[in-house]
Protein backbone atom coordinates (compact mmCIF):
# COMPACT_ATOMS: atom_id res chain seq x y z
CA UNK A 1 0.00 0.00 0.00
CA UNK A 2 1.30 3.46 -0.90
CA UNK A 3 2.17 5.47 2.24
CA UNK A 4 0.19 8.69 2.79
CA UNK A 5 1.82 11.93 1.66
CA UNK A 6 3.56 14.03 4.26
CA UNK A 7 1.17 16.68 5.57
CA UNK A 8 1.76 19.94 7.37
CA UNK A 9 -1.68 20.84 8.63
CA UNK A 10 -1.86 24.54 9.49
CA UNK A 11 -5.22 24.33 11.21
CA UNK A 12 -7.01 21.65 13.16
CA UNK A 13 -8.81 21.40 16.48
CA UNK A 14 -8.59 18.89 19.28
CA UNK A 15 -10.04 15.40 19.18
CA UNK A 16 -9.99 15.27 22.99
CA UNK A 17 -12.86 16.47 25.13
CA UNK A 18 -10.46 18.58 27.21
CA UNK A 19 -9.37 20.37 24.05
CA UNK A 20 -12.91 21.76 23.58
CA UNK A 21 -13.16 23.24 27.07
CA UNK A 22 -14.82 26.64 26.97
CA UNK A 23 -16.33 26.09 23.53
CA UNK A 24 -19.92 27.04 22.66
CA UNK A 25 -20.62 23.38 21.86
CA UNK A 26 -21.12 22.19 25.41
CA UNK A 27 -24.93 22.05 25.20
CA UNK A 28 -26.93 19.38 23.39
CA UNK A 29 -28.63 21.99 21.20
CA UNK A 30 -25.40 23.53 19.99
CA UNK A 31 -23.82 20.13 19.41
CA UNK A 32 -26.80 19.21 17.28
CA UNK A 33 -26.20 22.31 15.13
CA UNK A 34 -22.56 21.35 14.67
CA UNK A 35 -23.57 17.80 13.80
CA UNK A 36 -25.87 19.11 11.10
CA UNK A 37 -23.19 21.34 9.61
CA UNK A 38 -20.17 19.03 9.76
CA UNK A 39 -21.85 15.63 10.00
CA UNK A 40 -19.60 15.06 13.04
CA UNK A 41 -21.01 13.63 16.26
CA UNK A 42 -18.41 15.11 18.63
CA UNK A 43 -17.13 11.71 19.61
CA UNK A 44 -13.91 12.39 21.49
CA UNK A 45 -10.69 10.37 21.77
CA UNK A 46 -7.88 10.29 24.32
CA UNK A 47 -4.56 12.08 23.91
CA UNK A 48 -2.69 8.93 22.86
CA UNK A 49 -5.34 8.06 20.27
CA UNK A 50 -5.24 11.58 18.89
CA UNK A 51 -1.47 11.37 18.44
CA UNK A 52 -1.84 7.94 16.83
CA UNK A 53 -4.37 9.32 14.34
CA UNK A 54 -1.97 12.11 13.35
CA UNK A 55 0.85 9.58 12.91
CA UNK A 56 -1.33 7.34 10.78
CA UNK A 57 -2.13 10.32 8.55
CA UNK A 58 1.58 11.29 8.40
CA UNK A 59 0.63 14.77 9.61
CA UNK A 60 2.23 17.49 11.73
CA UNK A 61 -0.53 19.69 13.03
CA UNK A 62 -1.10 23.23 14.28
CA UNK A 63 -3.76 22.90 16.97
CA UNK A 64 -6.18 25.78 17.48
CA UNK A 65 -7.81 26.84 20.73
CA UNK A 66 -10.64 28.85 19.23
CA UNK A 67 -12.58 29.62 22.40
CA UNK A 68 -10.07 30.21 25.20
CA UNK A 69 -10.62 33.96 24.87
CA UNK A 70 -13.82 33.39 26.85
CA UNK A 71 -11.99 31.99 29.90
CA UNK A 72 -10.42 33.69 32.89
CA UNK A 73 -6.66 33.84 32.65
CA UNK A 74 -6.05 31.01 35.11
CA UNK A 75 -8.17 28.61 33.06
CA UNK A 76 -6.49 29.84 29.86
CA UNK A 77 -3.06 29.12 31.30
CA UNK A 78 -4.15 25.64 32.38
CA UNK A 79 -5.45 24.95 28.88
CA UNK A 80 -2.21 26.12 27.30
CA UNK A 81 -0.14 24.00 29.67
CA UNK A 82 -2.29 21.01 28.75
CA UNK A 83 -1.55 21.68 25.09
CA UNK A 84 2.15 22.24 25.63
CA UNK A 85 2.48 19.00 27.59
CA UNK A 86 0.84 17.11 24.72
CA UNK A 87 3.22 18.77 22.24
CA UNK A 88 6.33 17.94 24.26
CA UNK A 89 5.25 14.30 24.43
CA UNK A 90 4.43 14.17 20.71
CA UNK A 91 6.81 16.52 18.86
CA UNK A 92 6.68 14.40 15.73
CA UNK A 93 2.99 15.16 15.15
CA UNK A 94 2.46 18.55 16.82
CA UNK A 95 3.88 21.49 14.91
CA UNK A 96 2.56 24.03 17.40
CA UNK A 97 -0.46 25.97 18.58
CA UNK A 98 -2.65 28.89 17.63
CA UNK A 99 -3.31 30.87 20.80
CA UNK A 100 -6.68 32.57 21.16
CA UNK A 101 -6.98 35.32 23.76
CA UNK A 102 -8.98 38.43 24.55
CA UNK A 103 -6.51 41.29 23.92
CA UNK A 104 -8.72 43.71 25.86
CA UNK A 105 -7.60 41.90 29.03
CA UNK A 106 -3.99 42.73 30.06
CA UNK A 107 -3.67 39.38 31.82
CA UNK A 108 -4.53 37.59 28.57
CA UNK A 109 -1.88 39.58 26.71
CA UNK A 110 0.68 38.67 29.36
CA UNK A 111 -0.30 35.02 28.95
CA UNK A 112 0.20 35.29 25.19
CA UNK A 113 3.70 36.66 25.85
CA UNK A 114 4.39 33.63 28.05
CA UNK A 115 3.23 31.31 25.30
CA UNK A 116 5.48 32.99 22.75
CA UNK A 117 8.51 32.50 24.97
CA UNK A 118 7.72 29.17 26.64
CA UNK A 119 5.49 27.24 24.25
CA UNK A 120 6.99 24.35 22.28
CA UNK A 121 7.05 24.46 18.50
CA UNK A 122 5.40 27.21 16.49
CA UNK A 123 3.27 29.59 18.56
CA UNK A 124 1.02 32.01 16.70
CA UNK A 125 -1.97 34.22 17.39
CA UNK A 126 -5.41 33.19 16.19
CA UNK A 127 -7.91 36.00 15.57
CA UNK A 128 -11.68 35.64 15.41
CA UNK A 129 -13.73 38.73 14.74
CA UNK A 130 -16.30 37.66 17.33
CA UNK A 131 -13.94 38.18 20.28
CA UNK A 132 -14.46 41.32 22.41
CA UNK A 133 -11.68 43.04 20.43
CA UNK A 134 -13.42 42.57 17.09
CA UNK A 135 -11.62 42.53 13.76
CA UNK A 136 -7.79 42.45 13.73
CA UNK A 137 -7.47 45.98 12.35
CA UNK A 138 -8.96 47.43 15.52
CA UNK A 139 -6.59 49.16 17.98
CA UNK A 140 -7.22 46.51 20.66
CA UNK A 141 -5.15 43.99 18.68
CA UNK A 142 -2.16 46.26 18.07
CA UNK A 143 -0.06 45.13 21.05
CA UNK A 144 -0.46 41.45 20.13
CA UNK A 145 0.28 42.06 16.46
CA UNK A 146 3.49 43.85 17.43
CA UNK A 147 4.44 40.99 19.74
CA UNK A 148 4.12 38.65 16.76
CA UNK A 149 6.30 40.90 14.63
CA UNK A 150 8.97 41.02 17.34
CA UNK A 151 8.91 37.23 17.75
CA UNK A 152 8.67 36.60 13.98
CA UNK A 153 5.54 34.55 14.52
CA UNK A 154 2.42 34.48 12.33
CA UNK A 155 -1.15 35.61 12.88
CA UNK A 156 -4.03 33.43 11.75
CA UNK A 157 -7.06 35.52 10.73
CA UNK A 158 -10.34 33.77 9.97
CA UNK A 159 -12.10 34.77 6.78
CA UNK A 160 -15.23 33.60 4.96
CA UNK A 161 -18.33 32.01 6.40
CA UNK A 162 -17.90 30.85 9.99
CA UNK A 163 -18.95 27.35 10.95
CA UNK A 164 -19.32 28.58 14.51
CA UNK A 165 -22.95 29.51 14.88
CA UNK A 166 -23.96 28.03 11.53
CA UNK A 167 -27.44 26.53 11.68
CA UNK A 168 -28.46 28.27 14.92
CA UNK A 169 -30.94 31.08 15.33
CA UNK A 170 -28.99 34.32 15.23
CA UNK A 171 -25.79 32.45 14.43
CA UNK A 172 -24.63 32.74 18.07
CA UNK A 173 -24.56 36.50 17.56
CA UNK A 174 -21.75 36.31 14.99
CA UNK A 175 -21.93 38.67 12.02
CA UNK A 176 -20.16 37.42 8.91
CA UNK A 177 -18.96 40.87 7.84
CA UNK A 178 -16.20 40.60 10.41
CA UNK A 179 -14.75 37.70 8.39
CA UNK A 180 -14.26 39.78 5.22
CA UNK A 181 -10.72 39.65 3.73
CA UNK A 182 -10.48 43.44 3.93
CA UNK A 183 -9.33 43.04 7.53
CA UNK A 184 -6.45 40.80 6.44
CA UNK A 185 -5.54 43.37 3.79
CA UNK A 186 -5.47 46.21 6.31
CA UNK A 187 -3.19 44.59 8.88
CA UNK A 188 -0.89 43.23 6.17
CA UNK A 189 -0.57 46.77 4.75
CA UNK A 190 0.04 48.47 8.08
CA UNK A 191 2.38 45.72 9.39
CA UNK A 192 4.59 44.71 6.45
CA UNK A 193 6.84 42.64 8.74
CA UNK A 194 3.88 40.62 10.01
CA UNK A 195 3.18 37.22 8.47
CA UNK A 196 -0.58 36.85 8.05
CA UNK A 197 -2.30 33.56 7.25
CA UNK A 198 -5.93 33.79 6.14
CA UNK A 199 -7.80 30.80 7.55
CA UNK A 200 -10.58 28.97 5.69
CA UNK A 201 -11.94 29.29 2.20
CA UNK A 202 -13.01 32.94 1.94
CA UNK A 203 -16.43 32.32 0.38
CA UNK A 204 -18.47 34.40 -0.34
CA UNK A 205 -15.55 36.81 -0.83
CA UNK A 206 -13.14 34.49 -2.60
CA UNK A 207 -12.14 36.94 -5.35
CA UNK A 208 -11.26 39.57 -2.76
CA UNK A 209 -9.13 37.09 -0.80
CA UNK A 210 -7.25 36.02 -3.91
CA UNK A 211 -6.55 39.66 -4.71
CA UNK A 212 -5.18 40.29 -1.21
CA UNK A 213 -2.91 37.22 -1.37
CA UNK A 214 -1.57 38.24 -4.76
CA UNK A 215 -1.07 41.86 -3.71
CA UNK A 216 0.58 41.33 -0.31
CA UNK A 217 3.70 39.17 -0.14
CA UNK A 218 3.17 38.76 3.62
CA UNK A 219 -0.21 37.03 3.18
CA UNK A 220 -0.84 33.30 2.77
CA UNK A 221 -3.98 31.17 2.74
CA UNK A 222 -4.84 27.89 4.47
CA UNK A 223 -7.99 26.11 3.44
CA UNK A 224 -9.27 24.17 6.44
CA UNK A 225 -12.88 23.22 6.93
CA UNK A 226 -13.79 22.62 3.28
CA UNK A 227 -13.66 19.60 1.06
CA UNK A 228 -11.67 20.64 -2.02
CA UNK A 229 -14.46 19.36 -4.25
CA UNK A 230 -16.58 22.23 -2.91
CA UNK A 231 -13.99 24.98 -3.51
CA UNK A 232 -15.21 27.91 -5.62
CA UNK A 233 -14.07 27.46 -9.20
CA UNK A 234 -11.88 30.55 -9.12
CA UNK A 235 -9.97 29.24 -6.10
CA UNK A 236 -9.66 25.77 -7.60
CA UNK A 237 -8.13 27.26 -10.76
CA UNK A 238 -5.72 29.63 -9.03
CA UNK A 239 -4.30 26.98 -6.68
CA UNK A 240 -2.55 25.43 -9.66
CA UNK A 241 -1.48 28.80 -11.05
CA UNK A 242 -0.89 32.12 -9.32
CA UNK A 243 -1.60 30.83 -5.80
CA UNK A 244 0.50 27.70 -6.11
CA UNK A 245 3.13 28.93 -3.62
CA UNK A 246 0.70 30.81 -1.37
CA UNK A 247 -1.57 28.02 -0.16
CA UNK A 248 -1.16 25.77 2.90
CA UNK A 249 -3.04 22.59 3.71
CA UNK A 250 -5.50 22.78 6.59
CA UNK A 251 -7.79 19.99 7.71
CA UNK A 252 -10.13 20.99 10.56
CA UNK A 253 -9.69 17.65 12.31
CA UNK A 254 -11.67 16.05 13.91
CA UNK A 255 -14.62 17.37 11.86
CA UNK A 256 -12.81 16.40 8.66
CA UNK A 257 -10.22 13.62 8.59
CA UNK A 258 -6.82 13.97 7.01
CA UNK A 259 -7.31 10.77 5.03
CA UNK A 260 -10.58 11.96 3.51
CA UNK A 261 -9.14 15.33 2.54
CA UNK A 262 -6.02 13.86 0.95
CA UNK A 263 -8.18 11.55 -1.15
CA UNK A 264 -10.37 14.43 -2.26
CA UNK A 265 -7.42 16.73 -3.02
CA UNK A 266 -5.89 13.97 -5.16
CA UNK A 267 -9.17 13.60 -7.05
CA UNK A 268 -9.20 17.23 -8.22
CA UNK A 269 -6.79 16.74 -11.11
CA UNK A 270 -3.85 18.73 -9.73
CA UNK A 271 -0.35 17.66 -10.73
CA UNK A 272 1.78 15.84 -8.18
CA UNK A 273 4.01 18.92 -8.01
CA UNK A 274 1.10 21.17 -7.03
CA UNK A 275 -0.11 18.65 -4.45
CA UNK A 276 3.38 18.40 -2.97
CA UNK A 277 3.43 22.19 -2.57
CA UNK A 278 0.00 22.30 -0.95
CA UNK A 279 0.48 19.29 1.33
CA UNK A 280 3.87 20.29 2.75
CA UNK A 281 6.26 22.13 0.41
CA UNK A 282 4.85 25.63 0.84
CA UNK A 283 4.62 25.20 4.59
CA UNK A 284 8.20 23.94 4.81
CA UNK A 285 9.46 26.99 2.93
CA UNK A 286 7.44 29.30 5.18
CA UNK A 287 8.63 27.62 8.36
CA UNK A 288 12.27 27.76 7.25
CA UNK A 289 11.89 31.48 6.54
CA UNK A 290 10.70 32.17 10.10
CA UNK A 291 13.25 29.88 11.72
CA UNK A 292 11.00 26.97 12.74
CA UNK A 293 12.20 23.40 12.25
């Protein structure tokens, strides 16, 4: 049997129940909405099983804590230490962590500084427009963006339709306008030394996102959360052309498995060279440029 391709997954979540602490999916109603959107039943695994699944998929993964910004700083620190312990025990499959904080709280900012200095692997900042600070171009994010510049670490900014809140009345209060690529464009323009990764397929603003990535050399895209067979045609076409060196693989494990996504990527008709770039080559070049092994 042919071994799976090497994957560098720039965005997945936790398969463990502890990894979802603080999330809005702790009630039966909200879990039902997620089940309807992702067709995932929120069946959790243990830490060892999670690591084994990553090894089986031949993947190194950036794990995202999307909801820790809602916690008090003590709980946030405990969650980070849980993640860092898992990474130190499994360095072959954990590339690093996206840290989600509330930058309006000084204690959260201090905790982010600790993560940048003490966290194993690649530590970056994840930005959701539905945090108290809002979109990343707002002044509340400035201190954290500058910390990332100083540490030469990336910022992950979510664009396009959010799965969080999808299928619920009021969408959990989330407005989609905050996920427009214009916010990526603005911080990339005002912080030319900042490396910005746009997370998710940017639908319904895919053309705008492509334009930003082509215009700003400090912007990349990772495409978690979507099967490639559902990509907008413009994105599908540009991946093999002008975006070939600007796209990273992202899975959104455990909602979508690495094995399923690899199979579907390979079915899209891309050349092996393009797939090699998307699966790991582009990420390896990026990581080398910022000094991460």
